[in-house]
C-alpha atoms as a PDB file:
ATOM      1  CA  MET A   1       7.572   1.667  31.471  1.00  0.00           C
ATOM      2  CA  LYS A   2       7.616  -1.357  28.691  1.00  0.00           C
ATOM      3  CA  GLN A   3       9.955  -1.478  25.927  1.00  0.00           C
ATOM      4  CA  VAL A   4       9.435  -3.190  22.248  1.00  0.00           C
ATOM      5  CA  GLN A   5      12.183  -4.097  19.690  1.00  0.00           C
ATOM      6  CA  ILE A   6      12.335  -1.995  16.095  1.00  0.00           C
ATOM      7  CA  GLY A   7      11.734  -4.965  14.249  1.00  0.00           C
ATOM      8  CA  GLN A   8      14.305  -6.863  13.835  1.00  0.00           C
ATOM      9  CA  THR A   9      17.244  -4.357  14.500  1.00  0.00           C
ATOM     10  CA  GLY A  10      17.885  -5.749  18.153  1.00  0.00           C
ATOM     11  CA  LEU A  11      16.900  -1.618  19.499  1.00  0.00           C
ATOM     12  CA  TYR A  12      14.413  -1.405  22.259  1.00  0.00           C
ATOM     13  CA  VAL A  13      12.219   1.452  22.936  1.00  0.00           C
ATOM     14  CA  ASN A  14       9.771   2.849  24.383  1.00  0.00           C
ATOM     15  CA  PRO A  15       7.260   2.672  21.853  1.00  0.00           C
ATOM     16  CA  ILE A  16       5.932   6.496  22.147  1.00  0.00           C
ATOM     17  CA  GLY A  17       9.190   8.012  21.174  1.00  0.00           C
ATOM     18  CA  MET A  18       9.944  12.333  20.069  1.00  0.00           C
ATOM     19  CA  GLY A  19       9.446  13.508  16.499  1.00  0.00           C
ATOM     20  CA  THR A  20      12.185  16.458  17.006  1.00  0.00           C
ATOM     21  CA  ASN A  21      11.977  18.793  14.428  1.00  0.00           C
ATOM     22  CA  ALA A  22      10.626  21.659  16.570  1.00  0.00           C
ATOM     23  CA  VAL A  23      14.198  20.999  18.964  1.00  0.00           C
ATOM     24  CA  GLY A  24      16.631  23.373  16.674  1.00  0.00           C
ATOM     25  CA  GLY A  25      14.674  23.523  13.467  1.00  0.00           C
ATOM     26  CA  HIS A  26      14.249  27.109  13.033  1.00  0.00           C
ATOM     27  CA  ASN A  27      13.807  26.851   9.501  1.00  0.00           C
ATOM     28  CA  LEU A  28      10.770  24.904   9.885  1.00  0.00           C
ATOM     29  CA  TYR A  29       9.645  26.756  13.250  1.00  0.00           C
ATOM     30  CA  PRO A  30      11.578  30.327  13.311  1.00  0.00           C
ATOM     31  CA  LYS A  31      10.615  31.085  16.827  1.00  0.00           C
ATOM     32  CA  THR A  32      11.951  27.756  18.365  1.00  0.00           C
ATOM     33  CA  ASP A  33      14.509  28.533  21.514  1.00  0.00           C
ATOM     34  CA  ASP A  34      17.881  26.370  21.639  1.00  0.00           C
ATOM     35  CA  GLU A  35      17.832  26.458  25.159  1.00  0.00           C
ATOM     36  CA  GLU A  36      14.530  25.303  25.306  1.00  0.00           C
ATOM     37  CA  GLY A  37      14.988  22.718  23.152  1.00  0.00           C
ATOM     38  CA  ARG A  38      18.068  21.620  24.769  1.00  0.00           C
ATOM     39  CA  GLU A  39      16.021  21.146  27.884  1.00  0.00           C
ATOM     40  CA  LEU A  40      12.738  19.675  26.224  1.00  0.00           C
ATOM     41  CA  VAL A  41      15.293  16.482  25.162  1.00  0.00           C
ATOM     42  CA  LYS A  42      16.417  15.790  28.830  1.00  0.00           C
ATOM     43  CA  SER A  43      13.009  16.423  30.386  1.00  0.00           C
ATOM     44  CA  SER A  44      11.278  13.920  27.711  1.00  0.00           C
ATOM     45  CA  ILE A  45      14.124  11.281  28.613  1.00  0.00           C
ATOM     46  CA  ASP A  46      13.613  11.759  32.415  1.00  0.00           C
ATOM     47  CA  ALA A  47       9.984  11.433  31.392  1.00  0.00           C
ATOM     48  CA  GLY A  48      10.685   8.107  29.819  1.00  0.00           C
ATOM     49  CA  VAL A  49      11.382   8.869  25.979  1.00  0.00           C
ATOM     50  CA  ASN A  50      14.669   7.288  25.015  1.00  0.00           C
ATOM     51  CA  PHE A  51      13.500   7.109  21.267  1.00  0.00           C
ATOM     52  CA  LEU A  52      14.459  10.429  19.553  1.00  0.00           C
ATOM     53  CA  ASP A  53      13.870  10.973  15.723  1.00  0.00           C
ATOM     54  CA  THR A  54      15.794  13.793  14.183  1.00  0.00           C
ATOM     55  CA  ALA A  55      17.217  14.821  10.738  1.00  0.00           C
ATOM     56  CA  TYR A  56      20.208  16.686   9.253  1.00  0.00           C
ATOM     57  CA  LEU A  57      17.325  19.105   7.270  1.00  0.00           C
ATOM     58  CA  TYR A  58      15.920  20.100  10.952  1.00  0.00           C
ATOM     59  CA  GLY A  59      18.240  23.414  10.886  1.00  0.00           C
ATOM     60  CA  PRO A  60      19.701  22.529   9.010  1.00  0.00           C
ATOM     61  CA  GLY A  61      21.828  20.349  11.530  1.00  0.00           C
ATOM     62  CA  ARG A  62      21.184  22.582  14.326  1.00  0.00           C
ATOM     63  CA  SER A  63      18.705  19.715  15.805  1.00  0.00           C
ATOM     64  CA  GLU A  64      21.283  17.159  15.650  1.00  0.00           C
ATOM     65  CA  GLU A  65      23.789  19.744  17.569  1.00  0.00           C
ATOM     66  CA  LEU A  66      21.233  20.816  20.548  1.00  0.00           C
ATOM     67  CA  ILE A  67      20.362  17.049  20.887  1.00  0.00           C
ATOM     68  CA  GLY A  68      24.160  16.150  21.317  1.00  0.00           C
ATOM     69  CA  GLU A  69      24.571  18.868  23.735  1.00  0.00           C
ATOM     70  CA  ALA A  70      21.733  17.652  25.527  1.00  0.00           C
ATOM     71  CA  LEU A  71      23.423  13.821  25.316  1.00  0.00           C
ATOM     72  CA  LYS A  72      26.544  14.918  26.253  1.00  0.00           C
ATOM     73  CA  ASP A  73      25.442  16.317  29.958  1.00  0.00           C
ATOM     74  CA  MET A  74      23.495  12.707  30.460  1.00  0.00           C
ATOM     75  CA  SER A  75      24.956   9.610  31.523  1.00  0.00           C
ATOM     76  CA  ASN A  76      23.042   7.112  30.047  1.00  0.00           C
ATOM     77  CA  ARG A  77      23.639   7.542  26.232  1.00  0.00           C
ATOM     78  CA  GLU A  78      23.192   4.159  26.040  1.00  0.00           C
ATOM     79  CA  ASP A  79      20.172   3.888  27.021  1.00  0.00           C
ATOM     80  CA  ILE A  80      19.080   6.327  24.257  1.00  0.00           C
ATOM     81  CA  VAL A  81      17.871   5.132  20.726  1.00  0.00           C
ATOM     82  CA  LEU A  82      18.826   7.945  18.376  1.00  0.00           C
ATOM     83  CA  ALA A  83      17.708   8.068  14.685  1.00  0.00           C
ATOM     84  CA  THR A  84      18.754  10.836  12.145  1.00  0.00           C
ATOM     85  CA  LYS A  85      18.446  11.193   8.002  1.00  0.00           C
ATOM     86  CA  GLY A  86      20.772  11.985   6.244  1.00  0.00           C
ATOM     87  CA  GLY A  87      21.184  12.207   1.858  1.00  0.00           C
ATOM     88  CA  VAL A  88      20.288  15.838   1.419  1.00  0.00           C
ATOM     89  CA  ARG A  89      22.390  19.315   1.216  1.00  0.00           C
ATOM     90  CA  PHE A  90      21.512  22.908   0.606  1.00  0.00           C
ATOM     91  CA  ALA A  91      22.571  24.585  -2.718  1.00  0.00           C
ATOM     92  CA  GLY A  92      21.770  28.281  -0.672  1.00  0.00           C
ATOM     93  CA  GLU A  93      17.901  27.992  -0.394  1.00  0.00           C
ATOM     94  CA  ASP A  94      17.673  25.354  -2.495  1.00  0.00           C
ATOM     95  CA  MET A  95      17.645  21.409  -1.098  1.00  0.00           C
ATOM     96  CA  GLU A  96      19.379  18.901  -3.364  1.00  0.00           C
ATOM     97  CA  VAL A  97      19.192  15.221  -2.735  1.00  0.00           C
ATOM     98  CA  ASN A  98      22.358  13.218  -3.042  1.00  0.00           C
ATOM     99  CA  ASN A  99      22.116   9.506  -2.321  1.00  0.00           C
ATOM    100  CA  THR A 100      25.715   8.805  -3.466  1.00  0.00           C
ATOM    101  CA  PRO A 101      27.655   6.539  -1.174  1.00  0.00           C
ATOM    102  CA  SER A 102      30.230   8.432  -0.627  1.00  0.00           C
ATOM    103  CA  PHE A 103      28.382  11.694   0.475  1.00  0.00           C
ATOM    104  CA  LEU A 104      26.183   9.250   2.400  1.00  0.00           C
ATOM    105  CA  LYS A 105      28.946   8.344   4.171  1.00  0.00           C
ATOM    106  CA  GLN A 106      30.112  11.717   4.937  1.00  0.00           C
ATOM    107  CA  ASN A 107      26.858  12.612   6.124  1.00  0.00           C
ATOM    108  CA  VAL A 108      26.978   9.882   8.587  1.00  0.00           C
ATOM    109  CA  GLU A 109      30.359  11.396   9.918  1.00  0.00           C
ATOM    110  CA  GLU A 110      29.235  14.805  10.229  1.00  0.00           C
ATOM    111  CA  SER A 111      26.239  13.949  11.871  1.00  0.00           C
ATOM    112  CA  LEU A 112      27.947  11.393  14.325  1.00  0.00           C
ATOM    113  CA  LYS A 113      30.182  14.951  15.257  1.00  0.00           C
ATOM    114  CA  ARG A 114      27.301  17.314  15.460  1.00  0.00           C
ATOM    115  CA  LEU A 115      25.274  14.090  18.035  1.00  0.00           C
ATOM    116  CA  GLN A 116      28.832  13.783  19.600  1.00  0.00           C
ATOM    117  CA  THR A 117      28.221  10.123  19.764  1.00  0.00           C
ATOM    118  CA  ASP A 118      30.439   6.919  18.217  1.00  0.00           C
ATOM    119  CA  TYR A 119      27.317   5.719  16.800  1.00  0.00           C
ATOM    120  CA  ILE A 120      24.230   6.107  15.538  1.00  0.00           C
ATOM    121  CA  ASP A 121      21.349   3.597  16.494  1.00  0.00           C
ATOM    122  CA  LEU A 122      19.482   4.133  13.220  1.00  0.00           C
ATOM    123  CA  PHE A 123      20.239   6.460  10.126  1.00  0.00           C
ATOM    124  CA  TYR A 124      17.773   6.537   7.311  1.00  0.00           C
ATOM    125  CA  ILE A 125      18.222   8.151   3.617  1.00  0.00           C
ATOM    126  CA  HIS A 126      15.725  10.802   3.847  1.00  0.00           C
ATOM    127  CA  TYR A 127      14.652  11.203   0.659  1.00  0.00           C
ATOM    128  CA  PRO A 128      15.268   8.967  -2.936  1.00  0.00           C
ATOM    129  CA  ASN A 129      16.937  10.343  -5.923  1.00  0.00           C
ATOM    130  CA  GLN A 130      17.222   8.691  -9.255  1.00  0.00           C
ATOM    131  CA  ASP A 131      20.773   9.299 -10.090  1.00  0.00           C
ATOM    132  CA  THR A 132      21.890   6.688  -7.952  1.00  0.00           C
ATOM    133  CA  PRO A 133      20.595   2.911  -7.275  1.00  0.00           C
ATOM    134  CA  LYS A 134      18.977   2.594  -4.162  1.00  0.00           C
ATOM    135  CA  PHE A 135      20.481  -0.861  -3.425  1.00  0.00           C
ATOM    136  CA  GLU A 136      23.891   0.658  -3.822  1.00  0.00           C
ATOM    137  CA  ALA A 137      22.688   4.030  -1.245  1.00  0.00           C
ATOM    138  CA  VAL A 138      21.513   0.940   0.997  1.00  0.00           C
ATOM    139  CA  GLY A 139      24.443  -0.941   0.454  1.00  0.00           C
ATOM    140  CA  ALA A 140      26.905   1.949   1.705  1.00  0.00           C
ATOM    141  CA  LEU A 141      24.840   1.618   4.661  1.00  0.00           C
ATOM    142  CA  LYS A 142      25.238  -1.836   5.545  1.00  0.00           C
ATOM    143  CA  GLU A 143      29.054  -1.238   5.392  1.00  0.00           C
ATOM    144  CA  LEU A 144      28.818   1.860   8.283  1.00  0.00           C
ATOM    145  CA  LYS A 145      26.727  -0.899   9.907  1.00  0.00           C
ATOM    146  CA  ASP A 146      29.634  -3.269   9.347  1.00  0.00           C
ATOM    147  CA  GLU A 147      31.978  -0.805  11.070  1.00  0.00           C
ATOM    148  CA  GLY A 148      30.002  -0.279  13.851  1.00  0.00           C
ATOM    149  CA  LYS A 149      28.826   3.209  13.153  1.00  0.00           C
ATOM    150  CA  ILE A 150      25.524   2.850  12.656  1.00  0.00           C
ATOM    151  CA  ARG A 151      23.164  -0.027  14.084  1.00  0.00           C
ATOM    152  CA  ALA A 152      20.122   0.024  11.773  1.00  0.00           C
ATOM    153  CA  ILE A 153      19.431   0.893   8.145  1.00  0.00           C
ATOM    154  CA  GLY A 154      16.164   2.867   7.330  1.00  0.00           C
ATOM    155  CA  VAL A 155      14.760   4.658   4.333  1.00  0.00           C
ATOM    156  CA  SER A 156      12.133   7.530   4.396  1.00  0.00           C
ATOM    157  CA  ASN A 157      10.104   8.569   1.753  1.00  0.00           C
ATOM    158  CA  PHE A 158      10.234   6.098  -0.586  1.00  0.00           C
ATOM    159  CA  SER A 159       7.546   5.072  -3.260  1.00  0.00           C
ATOM    160  CA  ILE A 160       6.909   1.180  -3.262  1.00  0.00           C
ATOM    161  CA  GLU A 161       9.208   0.709  -6.247  1.00  0.00           C
ATOM    162  CA  ASP A 162      11.959   2.518  -4.490  1.00  0.00           C
ATOM    163  CA  LEU A 163      11.876   0.792  -1.277  1.00  0.00           C
ATOM    164  CA  LYS A 164      11.324  -3.085  -3.428  1.00  0.00           C
ATOM    165  CA  GLU A 165      15.053  -1.756  -4.862  1.00  0.00           C
ATOM    166  CA  ALA A 166      16.508  -0.468  -1.918  1.00  0.00           C
ATOM    167  CA  ASN A 167      15.862  -3.893  -0.204  1.00  0.00           C
ATOM    168  CA  GLN A 168      16.955  -6.294  -2.846  1.00  0.00           C
ATOM    169  CA  ASP A 169      19.404  -7.168  -0.584  1.00  0.00           C
ATOM    170  CA  GLY A 170      17.344  -7.585   2.802  1.00  0.00           C
ATOM    171  CA  TYR A 171      19.320  -4.857   4.372  1.00  0.00           C
ATOM    172  CA  VAL A 172      16.383  -2.440   5.287  1.00  0.00           C
ATOM    173  CA  ASP A 173      15.564  -2.429   8.757  1.00  0.00           C
ATOM    174  CA  VAL A 174      12.888   0.744   9.229  1.00  0.00           C
ATOM    175  CA  TYR A 175      10.279   2.217   6.953  1.00  0.00           C
ATOM    176  CA  GLN A 176       9.722   5.751   7.856  1.00  0.00           C
ATOM    177  CA  GLY A 177       6.519   7.326   5.922  1.00  0.00           C
ATOM    178  CA  GLU A 178       3.449   9.321   6.112  1.00  0.00           C
ATOM    179  CA  TYR A 179       0.830   7.863   7.752  1.00  0.00           C
ATOM    180  CA  ASN A 180      -2.374   8.301   9.943  1.00  0.00           C
ATOM    181  CA  LEU A 181      -5.857   7.756  10.034  1.00  0.00           C
ATOM    182  CA  ILE A 182      -6.813  10.670   7.525  1.00  0.00           C
ATOM    183  CA  ASN A 183      -4.287   9.533   5.323  1.00  0.00           C
ATOM    184  CA  ARG A 184      -3.925   5.721   4.787  1.00  0.00           C
ATOM    185  CA  THR A 185      -2.258   5.442   1.453  1.00  0.00           C
ATOM    186  CA  ALA A 186       0.415   3.827   2.814  1.00  0.00           C
ATOM    187  CA  GLU A 187      -2.133   0.110   3.561  1.00  0.00           C
ATOM    188  CA  LYS A 188      -2.281  -0.039  -0.168  1.00  0.00           C
ATOM    189  CA  GLU A 189       1.298  -2.185  -0.393  1.00  0.00           C
ATOM    190  CA  LEU A 190       3.741   0.261   1.776  1.00  0.00           C
ATOM    191  CA  LEU A 191       2.401  -1.776   5.086  1.00  0.00           C
ATOM    192  CA  PRO A 192       2.112  -4.914   3.777  1.00  0.00           C
ATOM    193  CA  PHE A 193       5.430  -5.387   2.190  1.00  0.00           C
ATOM    194  CA  THR A 194       7.045  -4.008   5.434  1.00  0.00           C
ATOM    195  CA  GLU A 195       5.512  -6.424   7.660  1.00  0.00           C
ATOM    196  CA  LYS A 196       6.043  -9.246   4.763  1.00  0.00           C
ATOM    197  CA  HIS A 197       9.495  -8.433   4.817  1.00  0.00           C
ATOM    198  CA  LYS A 198       9.832  -7.942   8.740  1.00  0.00           C
ATOM    199  CA  ILE A 199      10.592  -4.344   8.098  1.00  0.00           C
ATOM    200  CA  SER A 200       9.390  -1.635  11.296  1.00  0.00           C
ATOM    201  CA  PHE A 201       7.008   1.045   9.682  1.00  0.00           C
ATOM    202  CA  VAL A 202       7.513   4.178  11.582  1.00  0.00           C
ATOM    203  CA  PRO A 203       4.811   6.789  10.745  1.00  0.00           C
ATOM    204  CA  TYR A 204       5.271  10.617  10.572  1.00  0.00           C
ATOM    205  CA  PHE A 205       2.228  12.931  11.221  1.00  0.00           C
ATOM    206  CA  PRO A 206       0.226  10.634  13.414  1.00  0.00           C
ATOM    207  CA  PHE A 207      -1.847  13.596  14.238  1.00  0.00           C
ATOM    208  CA  ALA A 208      -2.530  14.937  10.627  1.00  0.00           C
ATOM    209  CA  SER A 209      -0.923  18.475  11.481  1.00  0.00           C
ATOM    210  CA  GLY A 210      -3.213  18.733  14.451  1.00  0.00           C
ATOM    211  CA  LEU A 211      -6.429  17.324  13.368  1.00  0.00           C
ATOM    212  CA  LEU A 212      -6.077  13.772  15.308  1.00  0.00           C
ATOM    213  CA  ALA A 213      -4.799  15.626  18.560  1.00  0.00           C
ATOM    214  CA  GLY A 214      -8.634  16.380  18.683  1.00  0.00           C
ATOM    215  CA  LYS A 215      -7.588  20.506  19.382  1.00  0.00           C
ATOM    216  CA  TYR A 216      -9.898  21.670  16.869  1.00  0.00           C
ATOM    217  CA  THR A 217     -13.039  22.724  16.322  1.00  0.00           C
ATOM    218  CA  LYS A 218     -15.369  24.513  13.158  1.00  0.00           C
ATOM    219  CA  GLU A 219     -13.984  27.925  14.098  1.00  0.00           C
ATOM    220  CA  THR A 220     -10.443  26.997  13.998  1.00  0.00           C
ATOM    221  CA  THR A 221      -8.934  28.947  11.080  1.00  0.00           C
ATOM    222  CA  PHE A 222      -5.099  29.027   9.973  1.00  0.00           C
ATOM    223  CA  GLN A 223      -2.949  31.283   9.031  1.00  0.00           C
ATOM    224  CA  ASP A 224       0.084  29.243   7.875  1.00  0.00           C
ATOM    225  CA  PHE A 225       1.106  25.938   6.030  1.00  0.00           C
ATOM    226  CA  ARG A 226      -2.180  24.320   7.485  1.00  0.00           C
ATOM    227  CA  ALA A 227      -3.890  26.537   5.156  1.00  0.00           C
ATOM    228  CA  ASP A 228      -2.948  24.619   1.916  1.00  0.00           C
ATOM    229  CA  MET A 229      -4.346  21.385   3.556  1.00  0.00           C
ATOM    230  CA  PRO A 230      -7.219  19.717   1.507  1.00  0.00           C
ATOM    231  CA  HIS A 231      -8.126  17.532   4.997  1.00  0.00           C
ATOM    232  CA  LEU A 232      -8.234  21.031   7.372  1.00  0.00           C
ATOM    233  CA  GLN A 233     -10.555  22.703   4.727  1.00  0.00           C
ATOM    234  CA  GLY A 234     -14.000  23.327   3.810  1.00  0.00           C
ATOM    235  CA  ASP A 235     -16.659  20.449   3.930  1.00  0.00           C
ATOM    236  CA  ALA A 236     -13.679  17.838   4.211  1.00  0.00           C
ATOM    237  CA  PHE A 237     -12.780  19.482   7.403  1.00  0.00           C
ATOM    238  CA  LYS A 238     -15.966  19.518   8.615  1.00  0.00           C
ATOM    239  CA  ARG A 239     -16.518  15.751   8.220  1.00  0.00           C
ATOM    240  CA  ASN A 240     -13.286  14.866   9.362  1.00  0.00           C
ATOM    241  CA  LEU A 241     -14.298  16.913  13.124  1.00  0.00           C
ATOM    242  CA  LYS A 242     -17.386  14.760  13.149  1.00  0.00           C
ATOM    243  CA  LYS A 243     -15.098  11.563  12.701  1.00  0.00           C
ATOM    244  CA  VAL A 244     -12.726  13.038  15.639  1.00  0.00           C
ATOM    245  CA  GLU A 245     -16.046  13.596  17.853  1.00  0.00           C
ATOM    246  CA  GLU A 246     -16.621  10.098  17.542  1.00  0.00           C
ATOM    247  CA  LEU A 247     -12.920   9.058  18.707  1.00  0.00           C
ATOM    248  CA  ARG A 248     -13.799  11.412  21.862  1.00  0.00           C
ATOM    249  CA  GLN A 249     -16.576   9.665  22.506  1.00  0.00           C
ATOM    250  CA  MET A 250     -14.600   6.135  22.706  1.00  0.00           C
ATOM    251  CA  ALA A 251     -11.759   8.094  24.464  1.00  0.00           C
ATOM    252  CA  ASN A 252     -14.458   9.524  26.958  1.00  0.00           C
ATOM    253  CA  THR A 253     -15.423   5.821  28.268  1.00  0.00           C
ATOM    254  CA  LYS A 254     -11.354   5.239  28.929  1.00  0.00           C
ATOM    255  CA  ASN A 255     -11.046   8.385  30.644  1.00  0.00           C
ATOM    256  CA  LYS A 256      -8.090   9.338  28.275  1.00  0.00           C
ATOM    257  CA  GLU A 257      -7.714  11.806  25.194  1.00  0.00           C
ATOM    258  CA  VAL A 258      -8.085  11.576  21.498  1.00  0.00           C
ATOM    259  CA  SER A 259      -4.611  11.802  20.733  1.00  0.00           C
ATOM    260  CA  GLN A 260      -3.701   8.970  23.409  1.00  0.00           C
ATOM    261  CA  LEU A 261      -6.226   6.562  21.711  1.00  0.00           C
ATOM    262  CA  VAL A 262      -5.002   7.465  18.120  1.00  0.00           C
ATOM    263  CA  LEU A 263      -1.337   6.609  19.253  1.00  0.00           C
ATOM    264  CA  ALA A 264      -2.592   2.977  20.556  1.00  0.00           C
ATOM    265  CA  TRP A 265      -4.634   2.244  17.638  1.00  0.00           C
ATOM    266  CA  TYR A 266      -1.174   3.077  15.405  1.00  0.00           C
ATOM    267  CA  LEU A 267       0.647   0.538  17.948  1.00  0.00           C
ATOM    268  CA  SER A 268      -2.061  -1.967  17.323  1.00  0.00           C
ATOM    269  CA  LEU A 269      -0.981  -2.468  13.636  1.00  0.00           C
ATOM    270  CA  PRO A 270       1.487  -5.285  12.688  1.00  0.00           C
ATOM    271  CA  SER A 271       4.500  -3.670  11.338  1.00  0.00           C
ATOM    272  CA  ILE A 272       4.551  -0.248  13.446  1.00  0.00           C
ATOM    273  CA  ASP A 273       6.654  -0.770  16.665  1.00  0.00           C
ATOM    274  CA  THR A 274       6.720   2.925  17.518  1.00  0.00           C
ATOM    275  CA  VAL A 275       5.290   6.195  16.623  1.00  0.00           C
ATOM    276  CA  ILE A 276       7.530   9.719  16.884  1.00  0.00           C
ATOM    277  CA  PRO A 277       4.779  12.528  17.655  1.00  0.00           C
ATOM    278  CA  GLY A 278       6.809  15.617  17.586  1.00  0.00           C
ATOM    279  CA  ALA A 279       6.276  18.200  20.775  1.00  0.00           C
ATOM    280  CA  LYS A 280       7.104  21.381  21.972  1.00  0.00           C
ATOM    281  CA  ARG A 281       6.678  21.201  25.138  1.00  0.00           C
ATOM    282  CA  LEU A 282       6.914  18.497  28.007  1.00  0.00           C
ATOM    283  CA  GLU A 283       3.177  19.005  28.648  1.00  0.00           C
ATOM    284  CA  GLN A 284       2.514  17.489  25.635  1.00  0.00           C
ATOM    285  CA  VAL A 285       5.442  14.219  25.705  1.00  0.00           C
ATOM    286  CA  LYS A 286       4.066  13.489  28.808  1.00  0.00           C
ATOM    287  CA  ASN A 287       0.471  13.354  27.011  1.00  0.00           C
ATOM    288  CA  ASN A 288       1.639  11.015  24.640  1.00  0.00           C
ATOM    289  CA  LEU A 289       3.300   8.623  26.656  1.00  0.00           C
ATOM    290  CA  LYS A 290      -0.261   8.074  28.553  1.00  0.00           C
ATOM    291  CA  ALA A 291      -1.097   6.206  25.503  1.00  0.00           C
ATOM    292  CA  HIS A 292       0.450   3.400  27.046  1.00  0.00           C
ATOM    293  CA  GLU A 293      -2.493   2.886  29.554  1.00  0.00           C
ATOM    294  CA  VAL A 294      -4.890   2.554  26.726  1.00  0.00           C
ATOM    295  CA  GLU A 295      -6.029  -0.929  25.933  1.00  0.00           C
ATOM    296  CA  LEU A 296      -7.673  -1.354  22.903  1.00  0.00           C
ATOM    297  CA  THR A 297     -10.260  -4.192  22.379  1.00  0.00           C
ATOM    298  CA  LYS A 298     -10.416  -6.367  18.907  1.00  0.00           C
ATOM    299  CA  GLU A 299     -14.053  -4.750  18.601  1.00  0.00           C
ATOM    300  CA  GLU A 300     -12.401  -0.772  19.049  1.00  0.00           C
ATOM    301  CA  VAL A 301      -9.801  -1.193  17.128  1.00  0.00           C
ATOM    302  CA  GLU A 302     -12.297  -2.317  14.176  1.00  0.00           C
ATOM    303  CA  LYS A 303     -14.239   0.600  15.092  1.00  0.00           C
ATOM    304  CA  ILE A 304     -11.874   3.293  14.795  1.00  0.00           C
ATOM    305  CA  ASN A 305     -10.993   1.732  11.365  1.00  0.00           C
ATOM    306  CA  GLN A 306     -14.649   1.756  10.275  1.00  0.00           C
ATOM    307  CA  ILE A 307     -15.165   5.663  11.265  1.00  0.00           C
ATOM    308  CA  PHE A 308     -11.796   6.442   9.332  1.00  0.00           C
ATOM    309  CA  SER A 309     -12.607   3.820   6.311  1.00  0.00           C
END
């Protein structure tokens, strides 16, 4: 299976990675099972995934622990690219953002222990906070990179202004933010900036909470957090379903699924090297991996662009 470099990091991955917030993320998915999570990590790696994206926030900390336990039993740690995120903590049930250099360094040490590894391939500042200059926070990660404790520096959920400040010394390797065919606001400033500065853009929510996976119909109703999402409600939902049906027609001509077409479209963009769709079951992982088989012509890329313009 082909591998690509994430930006200029020297990290080579299968471009179809896996988001692991459902592995140990009991604060996000209360019904998740730890043993099933460990086994999903192992079986996903066996299926061809070698890029895992996690965070302290998932669990909190439990996702990292389960991934560490899963990898401990495997002999190919050097072939796995681990990304995690820090710079946050909990005070009771309230999340606090802390980007001070000392706290970030403490976070990395704690993540290393939970992941049971000597180094973290990609460490992100999960959220910016306004009390610490962004370049100072990134500078702390640069020190850790020089020490070999992390291999690449990332920031997540930063505004364009935050990103510019964070990258004033050119140390940012990867940016992670929300981007999909429904929410394309990153195209205005973030994607052009990352492309210009050779920062790899890793999109999260690639399926827009399931819509772009092609699994909803006009009869679908939501009883969870999705009930508050505008793109899944009322007339907007109906319009979006029609767009998804246009994608389905394209996918059918290739004997592929909507989700695979969508992932292939993201990977056709200049500064997107990898995608990290989440998964709860191995079947979903294997389905995502089949996006490798989708070949899009320039005309097809533009057609999808126009459908969701």
